C-alpha atoms as a PDB file:
ATOM      1  CA  MET A   1     116.169 118.545 113.111  1.00  0.00           C
ATOM      2  CA  PRO A   2     115.464 115.074 114.892  1.00  0.00           C
ATOM      3  CA  ILE A   3     111.711 116.200 114.970  1.00  0.00           C
ATOM      4  CA  THR A   4     112.410 116.565 111.133  1.00  0.00           C
ATOM      5  CA  SER A   5     113.842 113.561 110.599  1.00  0.00           C
ATOM      6  CA  ALA A   6     111.421 111.685 112.680  1.00  0.00           C
ATOM      7  CA  ARG A   7     108.705 113.133 110.667  1.00  0.00           C
ATOM      8  CA  ASN A   8     110.900 112.260 107.308  1.00  0.00           C
ATOM      9  CA  THR A   9     111.218 108.715 108.122  1.00  0.00           C
ATOM     10  CA  GLY A  10     107.695 108.363 109.127  1.00  0.00           C
ATOM     11  CA  ALA A  11     106.660 109.347 106.224  1.00  0.00           C
ATOM     12  CA  HIS A  12     109.044 107.044 104.225  1.00  0.00           C
ATOM     13  CA  VAL A  13     107.414 104.005 106.549  1.00  0.00           C
ATOM     14  CA  VAL A  14     103.494 105.455 105.304  1.00  0.00           C
ATOM     15  CA  TYR A  15     104.807 105.607 101.561  1.00  0.00           C
ATOM     16  CA  ALA A  16     106.409 102.466 101.556  1.00  0.00           C
ATOM     17  CA  GLU A  17     103.363 101.003 103.526  1.00  0.00           C
ATOM     18  CA  LEU A  18     100.930 102.485 100.938  1.00  0.00           C
ATOM     19  CA  LYS A  19     102.698 101.727  97.899  1.00  0.00           C
ATOM     20  CA  ARG A  20     102.773  97.948  99.056  1.00  0.00           C
ATOM     21  CA  GLN A  21      98.960  97.909  99.391  1.00  0.00           C
ATOM     22  CA  ILE A  22      98.623  99.240  96.069  1.00  0.00           C
ATOM     23  CA  LEU A  23     101.126  97.227  93.994  1.00  0.00           C
ATOM     24  CA  THR A  24      99.672  94.173  95.468  1.00  0.00           C
ATOM     25  CA  LEU A  25      96.243  95.103  94.873  1.00  0.00           C
ATOM     26  CA  GLU A  26      95.060  95.483  98.563  1.00  0.00           C
ATOM     27  CA  LEU A  27      93.924  98.855  98.144  1.00  0.00           C
ATOM     28  CA  LYS A  28      91.543  97.896  94.840  1.00  0.00           C
ATOM     29  CA  PRO A  29      91.828  99.818  92.110  1.00  0.00           C
ATOM     30  CA  GLY A  30      88.788 102.891  92.091  1.00  0.00           C
ATOM     31  CA  GLU A  31      89.077 102.840  96.022  1.00  0.00           C
ATOM     32  CA  ARG A  32      88.819 105.971  97.829  1.00  0.00           C
ATOM     33  CA  LEU A  33      91.725 106.837 100.633  1.00  0.00           C
ATOM     34  CA  LYS A  34      89.550 107.525 103.603  1.00  0.00           C
ATOM     35  CA  GLU A  35      92.531 109.349 105.574  1.00  0.00           C
ATOM     36  CA  PRO A  36      91.483 109.653 109.297  1.00  0.00           C
ATOM     37  CA  ALA A  37      91.121 106.086 109.129  1.00  0.00           C
ATOM     38  CA  MET A  38      93.941 104.998 107.014  1.00  0.00           C
ATOM     39  CA  ALA A  39      95.887 107.251 109.520  1.00  0.00           C
ATOM     40  CA  ALA A  40      94.451 105.218 112.506  1.00  0.00           C
ATOM     41  CA  ALA A  41      95.456 102.032 111.162  1.00  0.00           C
ATOM     42  CA  LEU A  42      98.713 102.744 110.233  1.00  0.00           C
ATOM     43  CA  GLN A  43      98.940 104.331 113.811  1.00  0.00           C
ATOM     44  CA  VAL A  44     100.372 107.654 112.317  1.00  0.00           C
ATOM     45  CA  SER A  45      99.318 111.384 112.030  1.00  0.00           C
ATOM     46  CA  ARG A  46      97.843 112.874 109.360  1.00  0.00           C
ATOM     47  CA  THR A  47     100.935 115.061 108.299  1.00  0.00           C
ATOM     48  CA  PRO A  48     103.052 111.929 107.524  1.00  0.00           C
ATOM     49  CA  LEU A  49      99.907 110.096 105.882  1.00  0.00           C
ATOM     50  CA  ARG A  50      99.567 113.324 103.542  1.00  0.00           C
ATOM     51  CA  GLU A  51     103.298 113.712 102.562  1.00  0.00           C
ATOM     52  CA  ALA A  52     103.351 109.952 101.731  1.00  0.00           C
ATOM     53  CA  ILE A  53      99.963 110.537  99.370  1.00  0.00           C
ATOM     54  CA  ARG A  54     101.565 113.237  97.926  1.00  0.00           C
ATOM     55  CA  ARG A  55     104.560 111.124  96.610  1.00  0.00           C
ATOM     56  CA  LEU A  56     102.499 108.575  95.653  1.00  0.00           C
ATOM     57  CA  ILE A  57     100.364 110.921  93.196  1.00  0.00           C
ATOM     58  CA  SER A  58     103.398 112.005  91.857  1.00  0.00           C
ATOM     59  CA  GLU A  59     104.363 108.678  90.892  1.00  0.00           C
ATOM     60  CA  ASP A  60     100.949 107.914  89.302  1.00  0.00           C
ATOM     61  CA  LEU A  61     100.201 105.596  91.847  1.00  0.00           C
ATOM     62  CA  LEU A  62      97.498 107.420  93.612  1.00  0.00           C
ATOM     63  CA  GLU A  63      94.943 110.205  91.941  1.00  0.00           C
ATOM     64  CA  GLN A  64      93.981 113.586  92.858  1.00  0.00           C
ATOM     65  CA  GLN A  65      90.142 114.071  91.906  1.00  0.00           C
ATOM     66  CA  PRO A  66      88.709 117.411  91.079  1.00  0.00           C
ATOM     67  CA  THR A  67      86.564 117.022  94.570  1.00  0.00           C
ATOM     68  CA  GLY A  68      89.841 117.073  96.268  1.00  0.00           C
ATOM     69  CA  GLY A  69      89.614 113.104  97.021  1.00  0.00           C
ATOM     70  CA  VAL A  70      92.663 110.991  96.480  1.00  0.00           C
ATOM     71  CA  VAL A  71      91.775 107.460  94.859  1.00  0.00           C
ATOM     72  CA  VAL A  72      93.569 104.353  93.601  1.00  0.00           C
ATOM     73  CA  PRO A  73      93.791 104.887  89.614  1.00  0.00           C
ATOM     74  CA  VAL A  74      91.574 101.963  87.849  1.00  0.00           C
ATOM     75  CA  LEU A  75      93.260  99.557  85.631  1.00  0.00           C
ATOM     76  CA  ASP A  76      93.244 101.299  82.444  1.00  0.00           C
ATOM     77  CA  GLU A  77      93.922  98.846  79.091  1.00  0.00           C
ATOM     78  CA  ALA A  78      95.328 102.023  77.097  1.00  0.00           C
ATOM     79  CA  VAL A  79      98.157 102.951  79.971  1.00  0.00           C
ATOM     80  CA  ILE A  80      98.997  99.196  79.939  1.00  0.00           C
ATOM     81  CA  SER A  81      99.580  99.109  76.805  1.00  0.00           C
ATOM     82  CA  GLU A  82     101.654 102.352  76.525  1.00  0.00           C
ATOM     83  CA  LEU A  83     103.843 100.867  79.610  1.00  0.00           C
ATOM     84  CA  TYR A  84     104.313  97.585  78.181  1.00  0.00           C
ATOM     85  CA  GLU A  85     105.572  98.801  75.034  1.00  0.00           C
ATOM     86  CA  VAL A  86     108.129 101.017  76.508  1.00  0.00           C
ATOM     87  CA  ARG A  87     109.279  98.614  78.508  1.00  0.00           C
ATOM     88  CA  ALA A  88     109.548  96.341  75.808  1.00  0.00           C
ATOM     89  CA  ALA A  89     111.824  98.915  73.868  1.00  0.00           C
ATOM     90  CA  VAL A  90     113.949  99.378  76.904  1.00  0.00           C
ATOM     91  CA  GLU A  91     114.159  95.455  77.937  1.00  0.00           C
ATOM     92  CA  SER A  92     115.349  94.922  74.162  1.00  0.00           C
ATOM     93  CA  LEU A  93     118.433  97.339  74.377  1.00  0.00           C
ATOM     94  CA  MET A  94     119.027  95.475  77.868  1.00  0.00           C
ATOM     95  CA  ALA A  95     118.601  92.775  76.081  1.00  0.00           C
ATOM     96  CA  ARG A  96     120.955  93.434  73.261  1.00  0.00           C
ATOM     97  CA  ASN A  97     123.613  94.919  75.484  1.00  0.00           C
ATOM     98  CA  ALA A  98     124.036  91.891  77.492  1.00  0.00           C
ATOM     99  CA  CYS A  99     125.109  89.755  74.426  1.00  0.00           C
ATOM    100  CA  VAL A 100     127.953  92.093  74.355  1.00  0.00           C
ATOM    101  CA  LYS A 101     129.035  92.527  77.974  1.00  0.00           C
ATOM    102  CA  ALA A 102     127.875  88.726  79.403  1.00  0.00           C
ATOM    103  CA  THR A 103     130.750  86.583  81.033  1.00  0.00           C
ATOM    104  CA  PRO A 104     130.488  82.938  81.830  1.00  0.00           C
ATOM    105  CA  GLU A 105     129.402  83.774  85.477  1.00  0.00           C
ATOM    106  CA  ASP A 106     127.217  85.528  84.158  1.00  0.00           C
ATOM    107  CA  ILE A 107     125.752  83.096  81.615  1.00  0.00           C
ATOM    108  CA  GLU A 108     125.800  80.370  84.855  1.00  0.00           C
ATOM    109  CA  ASP A 109     123.656  82.676  87.292  1.00  0.00           C
ATOM    110  CA  LEU A 110     120.779  83.315  84.607  1.00  0.00           C
ATOM    111  CA  ARG A 111     120.751  79.506  83.786  1.00  0.00           C
ATOM    112  CA  GLY A 112     120.804  79.098  87.773  1.00  0.00           C
ATOM    113  CA  ILE A 113     118.095  81.525  87.831  1.00  0.00           C
ATOM    114  CA  LEU A 114     116.090  79.652  84.694  1.00  0.00           C
ATOM    115  CA  ALA A 115     116.232  76.240  86.979  1.00  0.00           C
ATOM    116  CA  ARG A 116     114.495  78.084  89.766  1.00  0.00           C
ATOM    117  CA  ASN A 117     112.215  79.409  87.420  1.00  0.00           C
ATOM    118  CA  ALA A 118     110.981  76.009  86.149  1.00  0.00           C
ATOM    119  CA  ALA A 119     110.955  74.388  89.658  1.00  0.00           C
ATOM    120  CA  LEU A 120     108.455  77.146  90.554  1.00  0.00           C
ATOM    121  CA  VAL A 121     106.771  77.079  87.349  1.00  0.00           C
ATOM    122  CA  GLU A 122     103.358  76.054  88.924  1.00  0.00           C
ATOM    123  CA  PHE A 123     103.156  78.939  91.650  1.00  0.00           C
ATOM    124  CA  ALA A 124     102.184  81.861  90.299  1.00  0.00           C
ATOM    125  CA  ASP A 125     103.814  84.403  92.620  1.00  0.00           C
ATOM    126  CA  ASP A 126     107.356  82.297  92.727  1.00  0.00           C
ATOM    127  CA  ALA A 127     107.399  81.919  89.337  1.00  0.00           C
ATOM    128  CA  MET A 128     106.528  85.724  88.884  1.00  0.00           C
ATOM    129  CA  GLN A 129     109.798  86.288  91.168  1.00  0.00           C
ATOM    130  CA  GLN A 130     111.835  84.248  89.171  1.00  0.00           C
ATOM    131  CA  GLY A 131     110.748  86.174  86.237  1.00  0.00           C
ATOM    132  CA  MET A 132     111.604  89.520  87.709  1.00  0.00           C
ATOM    133  CA  ALA A 133     114.795  88.484  88.978  1.00  0.00           C
ATOM    134  CA  LEU A 134     115.927  87.003  85.369  1.00  0.00           C
ATOM    135  CA  HIS A 135     115.212  90.722  83.879  1.00  0.00           C
ATOM    136  CA  ALA A 136     116.991  92.205  86.632  1.00  0.00           C
ATOM    137  CA  LYS A 137     119.753  90.438  86.085  1.00  0.00           C
ATOM    138  CA  ILE A 138     119.634  90.898  82.358  1.00  0.00           C
ATOM    139  CA  ALA A 139     119.813  94.496  83.417  1.00  0.00           C
ATOM    140  CA  ALA A 140     122.638  94.518  85.745  1.00  0.00           C
ATOM    141  CA  ILE A 141     124.864  92.589  82.677  1.00  0.00           C
ATOM    142  CA  ALA A 142     123.615  95.492  80.670  1.00  0.00           C
ATOM    143  CA  GLY A 143     125.210  97.987  82.427  1.00  0.00           C
ATOM    144  CA  ASN A 144     123.203 100.327  81.048  1.00  0.00           C
ATOM    145  CA  SER A 145     122.406 103.286  84.186  1.00  0.00           C
ATOM    146  CA  TRP A 146     119.466 105.201  82.137  1.00  0.00           C
ATOM    147  CA  ALA A 147     118.079 101.944  81.291  1.00  0.00           C
ATOM    148  CA  ARG A 148     117.945 100.606  84.273  1.00  0.00           C
ATOM    149  CA  ARG A 149     116.955 103.725  85.865  1.00  0.00           C
ATOM    150  CA  PHE A 150     113.843 103.638  83.553  1.00  0.00           C
ATOM    151  CA  HIS A 151     113.329 100.205  83.660  1.00  0.00           C
ATOM    152  CA  GLY A 152     113.029 100.689  87.601  1.00  0.00           C
ATOM    153  CA  GLN A 153     110.674 103.284  87.378  1.00  0.00           C
ATOM    154  CA  ILE A 154     108.588 101.491  84.531  1.00  0.00           C
ATOM    155  CA  SER A 155     108.861  98.369  86.669  1.00  0.00           C
ATOM    156  CA  SER A 156     107.263  99.567  90.056  1.00  0.00           C
ATOM    157  CA  GLN A 157     104.339 101.284  87.676  1.00  0.00           C
ATOM    158  CA  MET A 158     104.097  97.645  86.075  1.00  0.00           C
ATOM    159  CA  GLU A 159     103.907  95.765  89.415  1.00  0.00           C
ATOM    160  CA  ARG A 160      99.934  96.319  89.809  1.00  0.00           C
ATOM    161  CA  TYR A 161      99.560  94.307  86.216  1.00  0.00           C
ATOM    162  CA  ARG A 162     102.065  91.643  86.969  1.00  0.00           C
ATOM    163  CA  HIS A 163      99.709  89.595  88.608  1.00  0.00           C
ATOM    164  CA  TYR A 164      97.475  89.135  85.322  1.00  0.00           C
ATOM    165  CA  THR A 165     100.783  88.527  83.250  1.00  0.00           C
ATOM    166  CA  ASN A 166     101.221  85.267  84.671  1.00  0.00           C
ATOM    167  CA  SER A 167      97.433  84.248  86.198  1.00  0.00           C
ATOM    168  CA  THR A 168      97.402  81.091  84.116  1.00  0.00           C
ATOM    169  CA  GLN A 169      99.461  77.876  84.194  1.00  0.00           C
ATOM    170  CA  GLU A 170      99.702  78.341  80.282  1.00  0.00           C
ATOM    171  CA  ARG A 171     101.048  81.654  80.267  1.00  0.00           C
ATOM    172  CA  ARG A 172     103.191  80.962  82.923  1.00  0.00           C
ATOM    173  CA  ASP A 173     105.298  77.806  80.689  1.00  0.00           C
ATOM    174  CA  GLN A 174     105.188  80.234  77.748  1.00  0.00           C
ATOM    175  CA  ALA A 175     107.108  82.682  79.786  1.00  0.00           C
ATOM    176  CA  LEU A 176     109.511  80.494  80.717  1.00  0.00           C
ATOM    177  CA  GLU A 177     110.319  78.769  77.647  1.00  0.00           C
ATOM    178  CA  GLN A 178     110.508  82.517  76.464  1.00  0.00           C
ATOM    179  CA  HIS A 179     113.141  83.155  78.914  1.00  0.00           C
ATOM    180  CA  ARG A 180     114.918  79.784  77.809  1.00  0.00           C
ATOM    181  CA  GLU A 181     115.192  81.171  74.171  1.00  0.00           C
ATOM    182  CA  LEU A 182     116.627  84.396  75.484  1.00  0.00           C
ATOM    183  CA  VAL A 183     118.869  83.150  78.056  1.00  0.00           C
ATOM    184  CA  ASP A 184     120.123  80.912  74.773  1.00  0.00           C
ATOM    185  CA  ALA A 185     120.365  84.248  72.297  1.00  0.00           C
ATOM    186  CA  ILE A 186     122.171  86.016  75.411  1.00  0.00           C
ATOM    187  CA  ALA A 187     124.651  82.982  75.817  1.00  0.00           C
ATOM    188  CA  SER A 188     125.362  82.245  72.212  1.00  0.00           C
ATOM    189  CA  GLY A 189     126.156  86.475  71.689  1.00  0.00           C
ATOM    190  CA  ASN A 190     123.474  86.570  69.144  1.00  0.00           C
ATOM    191  CA  PRO A 191     122.389  90.429  69.954  1.00  0.00           C
ATOM    192  CA  GLU A 192     119.604  90.693  66.956  1.00  0.00           C
ATOM    193  CA  ALA A 193     118.042  87.338  68.273  1.00  0.00           C
ATOM    194  CA  ALA A 194     118.083  88.479  72.062  1.00  0.00           C
ATOM    195  CA  ALA A 195     116.511  91.811  71.031  1.00  0.00           C
ATOM    196  CA  GLY A 196     113.981  90.511  69.055  1.00  0.00           C
ATOM    197  CA  MET A 197     113.054  87.636  71.948  1.00  0.00           C
ATOM    198  CA  ALA A 198     112.597  90.224  74.924  1.00  0.00           C
ATOM    199  CA  PHE A 199     110.807  92.387  72.963  1.00  0.00           C
ATOM    200  CA  ASP A 200     108.230  90.142  71.892  1.00  0.00           C
ATOM    201  CA  HIS A 201     108.355  88.241  75.448  1.00  0.00           C
ATOM    202  CA  VAL A 202     107.240  91.646  76.972  1.00  0.00           C
ATOM    203  CA  LEU A 203     104.658  92.288  74.355  1.00  0.00           C
ATOM    204  CA  GLY A 204     103.419  88.408  75.113  1.00  0.00           C
ATOM    205  CA  ALA A 205     102.820  89.555  78.904  1.00  0.00           C
ATOM    206  CA  ARG A 206     101.240  93.029  77.675  1.00  0.00           C
ATOM    207  CA  ASP A 207      98.649  91.019  75.697  1.00  0.00           C
ATOM    208  CA  ALA A 208      98.185  88.201  78.519  1.00  0.00           C
ATOM    209  CA  ALA A 209      97.468  90.892  81.077  1.00  0.00           C
ATOM    210  CA  VAL A 210      95.249  93.068  79.072  1.00  0.00           C
ATOM    211  CA  ARG A 211      92.984  89.653  78.434  1.00  0.00           C
ATOM    212  CA  ALA A 212      93.028  88.693  82.149  1.00  0.00           C
ATOM    213  CA  ILE A 213      91.895  92.420  83.000  1.00  0.00           C
ATOM    214  CA  SER A 214      89.418  92.872  79.772  1.00  0.00           C
ATOM    215  CA  GLY A 215      88.111  89.102  81.452  1.00  0.00           C
ATOM    216  CA  ALA A 216      87.609  90.278  85.352  1.00  0.00           C
ATOM    217  CA  SER A 217      85.773  93.869  84.112  1.00  0.00           C
ATOM    218  CA  GLY A 218      83.249  91.778  81.668  1.00  0.00           C
ATOM    219  CA  ALA A 219      82.807  89.259  84.427  1.00  0.00           C
ATOM    220  CA  ALA A 220      82.610  92.237  86.999  1.00  0.00           C
ATOM    221  CA  SER A 221      79.976  94.062  84.828  1.00  0.00           C
END
């Protein structure tokens, strides 16, 4: 039993580290995983590494090739559009529900996140973290467990694309203003306005990501 537990723990640690590398683009899109070198770098045996790889394949964060190799999926514009469209629908639902359930304390918390977002808007990573915190708080206020579950799954898939959604100061400023309007709508108890703003905000992020990735692809070619 202890041996199995240790193996499972090892696989979980490897899974978490590989997932981090994929989502931060440290493992590049299209890069092939080389098990011997990776096992040596992570200082683990091949068994927990393979368990972690199988789990990441099941989450579509790694891709099994017909030849048996495993690669990091490329950044695909069609996949981006599908993910953002689903996220827009879920975010819209949660914003609508948050209008009904938000307390004065919740609104104060949202405005606190906005203030931090504004203070850090010139820093891409920090601004992104505050934006994610705002959406997570709205999800918590909405309280729909299924919506939060789907939102978490989608958000995990989208981590690789977030870098592209706020890569310019113009987009970060625009996102901040949209966040302000969304919080104002929730604070005023206007579910239709909040739902529409949440939907449009996510599609705006989609468009920014597609433009950035298309530009990067064009530059690379």
